[in-house]
């Protein structure tokens, strides 16, 4: 592993060097993390226990909630620890592991959002064939393929990264470890690493975004051909939650990676958006905009109320 035995730790600069601001940030992000855990666990529970939600759409939504739990738990606990710690260090091995899981969960979520767009397209364009087309076997295969593709891609990237030699400057100007923030610290030639990471980004983010974009072109075309106004409204409403999630995820992700680096702390707003804020918002988006989820939550509350 190159010079990892000499330089065993990285320094995560985090969000602020002011101790008073760090305490405020700790309390803020602790609340956000607890809300993320509670919201996504409730979503998983509601989908699991309510038979009315045992459909492909909610199967994918359960997978999204699980991914949000994983993605948030990869970065937020260490960020909270560093906000209260004076050292703010992370072992090289732990940093690489975090970068790997950030890559895998982020890549899987991008693929899953494309799968969910396809699911909405089939439901709107061919409602009578929706059940046979979106079979249990296909749904499991699409989710497994999303995880598998991201895992293999992340593994290839991280195996190349573990062989890098790192220079004396081990400061990461970020609140978490990502491959793109590790490469500038290396004394080795990282051209291959950057090229592979670029290809992976094109595959997972730009590629899946194009699939979502074309799916929605087909969805809008189908909706505009509907003769019933109520049918159009209902069709649009079934896509609104997913579309909101797509805008939050890809909007913050694209801005984070496409804007030129200026060294400003404001650059961390966009990584915070897709790593911390979006996993908290997704359950709220689906529970507020989806009538079936709201009805299932009311049924669950009526069921558990006598035991409280």
Protein backbone atom coordinates (compact mmCIF):
# COMPACT_ATOMS: atom_id res chain seq x y z
CA UNK A 1 0.00 0.00 0.00
CA UNK A 2 2.73 2.45 -0.89
CA UNK A 3 3.68 4.80 1.98
CA UNK A 4 0.57 4.04 4.03
CA UNK A 5 2.77 2.60 6.79
CA UNK A 6 4.57 5.96 7.09
CA UNK A 7 1.55 8.26 6.78
CA UNK A 8 -1.19 6.42 8.65
CA UNK A 9 -3.70 9.24 9.09
CA UNK A 10 -5.46 11.99 7.17
CA UNK A 11 -6.71 15.24 8.67
CA UNK A 12 -10.33 16.10 7.84
CA UNK A 13 -10.74 19.87 8.02
CA UNK A 14 -14.51 19.55 8.34
CA UNK A 15 -17.02 22.38 8.15
CA UNK A 16 -15.53 24.96 10.52
CA UNK A 17 -12.50 25.59 12.74
CA UNK A 18 -14.51 27.68 15.22
CA UNK A 19 -15.28 25.60 18.35
CA UNK A 20 -18.58 27.43 19.05
CA UNK A 21 -19.79 26.89 15.49
CA UNK A 22 -18.72 23.24 15.70
CA UNK A 23 -20.98 22.67 18.71
CA UNK A 24 -23.92 24.25 16.89
CA UNK A 25 -23.19 22.18 13.79
CA UNK A 26 -22.94 19.03 15.91
CA UNK A 27 -26.39 19.60 17.40
CA UNK A 28 -27.86 20.47 13.98
CA UNK A 29 -26.47 17.44 12.17
CA UNK A 30 -27.23 15.12 15.08
CA UNK A 31 -30.89 16.11 14.82
CA UNK A 32 -30.80 15.69 11.03
CA UNK A 33 -29.19 12.26 11.35
CA UNK A 34 -31.73 11.10 13.94
CA UNK A 35 -34.57 12.34 11.72
CA UNK A 36 -32.98 10.49 8.79
CA UNK A 37 -32.84 7.25 10.76
CA UNK A 38 -36.38 7.62 12.09
CA UNK A 39 -37.94 8.68 8.79
CA UNK A 40 -36.37 5.94 6.68
CA UNK A 41 -36.95 3.23 9.29
CA UNK A 42 -40.61 4.24 9.52
CA UNK A 43 -40.87 4.14 5.73
CA UNK A 44 -39.36 0.65 5.68
CA UNK A 45 -41.73 -0.50 8.42
CA UNK A 46 -44.84 0.92 6.74
CA UNK A 47 -43.99 -0.70 3.40
CA UNK A 48 -43.18 -4.00 5.11
CA UNK A 49 -46.35 -4.34 7.20
CA UNK A 50 -48.96 -2.85 4.85
CA UNK A 51 -50.00 -5.31 2.14
CA UNK A 52 -51.43 -2.47 0.01
CA UNK A 53 -47.87 -1.28 -0.56
CA UNK A 54 -46.51 -4.62 -1.73
CA UNK A 55 -46.08 -3.41 -5.31
CA UNK A 56 -42.96 -2.79 -7.44
CA UNK A 57 -43.14 0.98 -6.88
CA UNK A 58 -42.97 0.62 -3.10
CA UNK A 59 -40.45 -2.20 -3.29
CA UNK A 60 -38.10 0.27 -4.99
CA UNK A 61 -39.03 2.98 -2.49
CA UNK A 62 -38.06 0.61 0.36
CA UNK A 63 -34.71 0.05 -1.34
CA UNK A 64 -34.25 3.83 -1.62
CA UNK A 65 -34.93 4.22 2.12
CA UNK A 66 -32.41 1.49 2.91
CA UNK A 67 -29.84 3.19 0.67
CA UNK A 68 -30.43 6.55 2.33
CA UNK A 69 -29.83 4.91 5.72
CA UNK A 70 -26.56 3.41 4.45
CA UNK A 71 -25.34 6.52 2.63
CA UNK A 72 -26.00 8.80 5.58
CA UNK A 73 -24.49 6.36 8.09
CA UNK A 74 -21.26 6.14 6.10
CA UNK A 75 -20.46 9.85 6.47
CA UNK A 76 -22.47 11.49 9.26
CA UNK A 77 -21.21 9.57 12.37
CA UNK A 78 -17.57 10.38 11.56
CA UNK A 79 -18.49 13.98 10.81
CA UNK A 80 -20.24 14.24 14.21
CA UNK A 81 -17.22 12.70 15.93
CA UNK A 82 -14.84 15.19 14.32
CA UNK A 83 -17.03 18.15 15.27
CA UNK A 84 -16.44 17.29 18.94
CA UNK A 85 -12.87 16.06 18.59
CA UNK A 86 -9.68 18.10 18.62
CA UNK A 87 -7.63 15.71 16.47
CA UNK A 88 -10.08 15.39 13.52
CA UNK A 89 -8.00 12.57 12.04
CA UNK A 90 -9.00 9.42 10.23
CA UNK A 91 -6.83 6.39 9.50
CA UNK A 92 -5.88 5.91 5.86
CA UNK A 93 -7.57 2.50 5.79
CA UNK A 94 -10.75 3.94 7.34
CA UNK A 95 -10.69 6.82 4.87
CA UNK A 96 -10.39 4.45 1.90
CA UNK A 97 -13.18 2.28 3.32
CA UNK A 98 -15.41 5.33 3.72
CA UNK A 99 -14.62 6.48 0.18
CA UNK A 100 -15.52 3.00 -1.10
CA UNK A 101 -18.90 2.89 0.66
CA UNK A 102 -19.71 6.47 -0.35
CA UNK A 103 -19.03 5.47 -3.95
CA UNK A 104 -21.08 2.25 -3.74
CA UNK A 105 -24.12 3.74 -2.02
CA UNK A 106 -24.10 6.84 -4.23
CA UNK A 107 -23.68 4.80 -7.41
CA UNK A 108 -26.39 2.35 -6.38
CA UNK A 109 -28.81 5.18 -5.62
CA UNK A 110 -28.19 6.72 -9.05
CA UNK A 111 -28.96 3.37 -10.70
CA UNK A 112 -32.01 2.85 -8.49
CA UNK A 113 -33.45 6.26 -9.41
CA UNK A 114 -33.15 5.25 -13.08
CA UNK A 115 -34.92 1.96 -12.30
CA UNK A 116 -37.70 3.86 -10.52
CA UNK A 117 -38.11 6.14 -13.56
CA UNK A 118 -38.52 3.06 -15.77
CA UNK A 119 -41.05 1.66 -13.29
CA UNK A 120 -43.12 4.87 -13.54
CA UNK A 121 -42.89 4.76 -17.35
CA UNK A 122 -44.26 1.22 -17.49
CA UNK A 123 -47.02 2.03 -14.98
CA UNK A 124 -48.21 5.06 -16.98
CA UNK A 125 -47.68 3.86 -20.55
CA UNK A 126 -48.87 0.24 -20.10
CA UNK A 127 -51.00 0.03 -16.93
CA UNK A 128 -52.64 -3.26 -17.96
CA UNK A 129 -49.23 -4.90 -18.49
CA UNK A 130 -47.61 -3.35 -15.43
CA UNK A 131 -47.92 -6.46 -13.24
CA UNK A 132 -46.57 -8.96 -15.79
CA UNK A 133 -43.77 -6.65 -16.97
CA UNK A 134 -42.59 -5.54 -13.50
CA UNK A 135 -42.46 -9.06 -12.09
CA UNK A 136 -40.88 -9.88 -8.74
CA UNK A 137 -38.00 -11.56 -10.55
CA UNK A 138 -37.30 -8.47 -12.67
CA UNK A 139 -37.56 -6.09 -9.69
CA UNK A 140 -35.10 -8.11 -7.62
CA UNK A 141 -32.80 -8.39 -10.63
CA UNK A 142 -32.84 -4.62 -11.25
CA UNK A 143 -32.03 -3.84 -7.61
CA UNK A 144 -29.35 -6.55 -7.45
CA UNK A 145 -27.86 -5.27 -10.70
CA UNK A 146 -27.75 -1.72 -9.32
CA UNK A 147 -25.87 -2.89 -6.22
CA UNK A 148 -23.61 -5.21 -8.20
CA UNK A 149 -22.61 -2.61 -10.79
CA UNK A 150 -21.79 0.00 -8.16
CA UNK A 151 -19.91 -2.54 -6.00
CA UNK A 152 -17.70 -3.79 -8.83
CA UNK A 153 -17.05 -0.28 -10.10
CA UNK A 154 -16.23 0.97 -6.60
CA UNK A 155 -13.98 -2.02 -5.91
CA UNK A 156 -11.94 -1.40 -9.08
CA UNK A 157 -11.52 2.28 -8.20
CA UNK A 158 -10.53 1.61 -4.59
CA UNK A 159 -8.07 -1.17 -5.46
CA UNK A 160 -6.18 1.28 -7.64
CA UNK A 161 -6.30 3.90 -4.88
CA UNK A 162 -4.78 1.67 -2.16
CA UNK A 163 -1.53 1.48 -4.15
CA UNK A 164 -1.00 5.24 -4.16
CA UNK A 165 1.81 6.90 -2.21
CA UNK A 166 0.76 9.95 -0.22
CA UNK A 167 2.82 13.09 0.41
CA UNK A 168 3.43 14.85 3.70
CA UNK A 169 0.40 17.13 3.29
CA UNK A 170 -2.39 14.87 4.52
CA UNK A 171 -5.08 17.54 4.88
CA UNK A 172 -8.45 16.81 3.27
CA UNK A 173 -10.50 20.03 2.86
CA UNK A 174 -13.75 18.14 3.35
CA UNK A 175 -15.96 16.59 6.04
CA UNK A 176 -15.66 13.07 4.59
CA UNK A 177 -13.37 10.95 2.41
CA UNK A 178 -14.10 10.77 -1.30
CA UNK A 179 -11.80 9.49 -4.01
CA UNK A 180 -11.72 12.85 -5.78
CA UNK A 181 -10.38 14.52 -2.61
CA UNK A 182 -7.70 11.85 -2.03
CA UNK A 183 -5.98 11.96 -5.42
CA UNK A 184 -4.52 15.49 -5.03
CA UNK A 185 -2.74 14.30 -1.85
CA UNK A 186 -0.85 11.57 -3.67
CA UNK A 187 2.77 11.77 -4.82
CA UNK A 188 2.07 9.00 -7.35
CA UNK A 189 0.84 9.40 -10.90
CA UNK A 190 -2.97 9.54 -10.51
CA UNK A 191 -3.84 9.99 -14.19
CA UNK A 192 -5.17 6.42 -14.42
CA UNK A 193 -7.17 6.89 -11.23
CA UNK A 194 -8.68 10.15 -12.46
CA UNK A 195 -9.53 8.61 -15.85
CA UNK A 196 -11.22 5.60 -14.24
CA UNK A 197 -13.12 7.81 -11.79
CA UNK A 198 -14.26 10.02 -14.66
CA UNK A 199 -15.52 6.98 -16.59
CA UNK A 200 -17.30 5.73 -13.47
CA UNK A 201 -18.94 9.14 -12.96
CA UNK A 202 -20.09 9.21 -16.57
CA UNK A 203 -21.54 5.70 -16.20
CA UNK A 204 -23.27 6.11 -12.84
CA UNK A 205 -24.38 9.72 -12.87
CA UNK A 206 -24.54 11.07 -16.40
CA UNK A 207 -25.56 7.68 -17.81
CA UNK A 208 -28.36 7.12 -15.31
CA UNK A 209 -29.45 10.75 -15.62
CA UNK A 210 -29.89 10.29 -19.37
CA UNK A 211 -31.98 7.15 -18.75
CA UNK A 212 -34.17 9.12 -16.34
CA UNK A 213 -34.41 12.03 -18.77
CA UNK A 214 -35.55 9.85 -21.68
CA UNK A 215 -37.95 7.96 -19.39
CA UNK A 216 -39.62 11.23 -18.46
CA UNK A 217 -39.80 12.34 -22.08
CA UNK A 218 -41.77 9.16 -22.77
CA UNK A 219 -43.87 9.66 -19.63
CA UNK A 220 -44.76 13.27 -20.52
CA UNK A 221 -45.59 12.23 -24.09
CA UNK A 222 -47.91 9.50 -22.80
CA UNK A 223 -49.60 11.82 -20.29
CA UNK A 224 -50.22 14.53 -22.89
CA UNK A 225 -51.99 11.95 -25.07
CA UNK A 226 -54.45 11.14 -22.29
CA UNK A 227 -57.91 12.54 -22.98
CA UNK A 228 -58.98 12.81 -19.34
CA UNK A 229 -57.80 15.80 -17.29
CA UNK A 230 -58.15 13.82 -14.07
CA UNK A 231 -56.10 11.02 -15.62
CA UNK A 232 -53.32 13.46 -16.49
CA UNK A 233 -53.38 14.90 -12.98
CA UNK A 234 -53.22 11.45 -11.40
CA UNK A 235 -50.37 10.38 -13.71
CA UNK A 236 -48.34 13.49 -12.90
CA UNK A 237 -48.95 13.01 -9.17
CA UNK A 238 -47.49 9.48 -9.26
CA UNK A 239 -44.23 10.91 -10.62
CA UNK A 240 -43.94 14.06 -8.52
CA UNK A 241 -42.19 12.46 -5.52
CA UNK A 242 -39.66 10.64 -7.67
CA UNK A 243 -39.00 13.73 -9.77
CA UNK A 244 -38.38 15.82 -6.63
CA UNK A 245 -35.89 13.23 -5.36
CA UNK A 246 -34.12 13.17 -8.73
CA UNK A 247 -33.77 16.97 -8.76
CA UNK A 248 -32.33 16.99 -5.22
CA UNK A 249 -29.90 14.13 -5.86
CA UNK A 250 -28.61 15.03 -9.31
CA UNK A 251 -28.84 18.80 -8.86
CA UNK A 252 -26.56 18.86 -5.83
CA UNK A 253 -24.32 16.11 -7.25
CA UNK A 254 -23.78 17.85 -10.58
CA UNK A 255 -23.13 21.23 -8.97
CA UNK A 256 -20.68 19.66 -6.52
CA UNK A 257 -18.58 17.99 -9.22
CA UNK A 258 -18.94 20.45 -12.10
CA UNK A 259 -18.30 23.77 -10.36
CA UNK A 260 -14.62 24.79 -10.33
CA UNK A 261 -12.85 24.44 -6.99
CA UNK A 262 -12.27 27.76 -5.23
CA UNK A 263 -11.33 26.56 -1.75
CA UNK A 264 -14.40 28.25 -0.26
CA UNK A 265 -16.27 26.56 2.63
CA UNK A 266 -19.45 27.17 0.61
CA UNK A 267 -18.34 24.38 -1.72
CA UNK A 268 -19.33 21.89 0.98
CA UNK A 269 -23.01 22.90 0.75
CA UNK A 270 -23.65 20.66 -2.26
CA UNK A 271 -21.91 17.54 -0.85
CA UNK A 272 -23.87 18.12 2.38
CA UNK A 273 -27.05 18.31 0.32
CA UNK A 274 -26.77 14.86 -1.25
CA UNK A 275 -24.94 13.16 1.65
CA UNK A 276 -26.85 14.53 4.65
CA UNK A 277 -29.94 16.56 3.72
CA UNK A 278 -31.44 14.50 0.87
CA UNK A 279 -31.55 11.21 2.87
CA UNK A 280 -33.58 13.07 5.52
CA UNK A 281 -35.92 14.70 2.99
CA UNK A 282 -36.77 11.63 0.88
CA UNK A 283 -39.14 10.01 3.44
CA UNK A 284 -40.84 13.39 3.96
CA UNK A 285 -41.23 13.89 0.21
CA UNK A 286 -42.85 10.48 -0.31
CA UNK A 287 -45.02 10.64 2.81
CA UNK A 288 -46.35 14.15 2.07
CA UNK A 289 -46.90 13.76 -1.68
CA UNK A 290 -48.11 10.16 -1.81
CA UNK A 291 -51.70 9.43 -0.70
CA UNK A 292 -51.14 5.68 -0.39
CA UNK A 293 -48.16 6.14 1.94
CA UNK A 294 -50.09 8.64 4.07
CA UNK A 295 -53.04 6.23 4.30
CA UNK A 296 -50.72 3.34 5.24
CA UNK A 297 -49.12 5.47 7.98
CA UNK A 298 -52.55 6.30 9.40
CA UNK A 299 -53.47 2.61 9.45
CA UNK A 300 -50.18 1.79 11.20
CA UNK A 301 -50.78 4.51 13.82
CA UNK A 302 -54.28 3.19 14.51
CA UNK A 303 -52.84 -0.30 14.93
CA UNK A 304 -50.05 0.65 17.36
CA UNK A 305 -52.00 3.31 19.32
CA UNK A 306 -53.44 0.82 21.87
CA UNK A 307 -49.90 -0.35 22.71
CA UNK A 308 -48.52 3.15 23.36
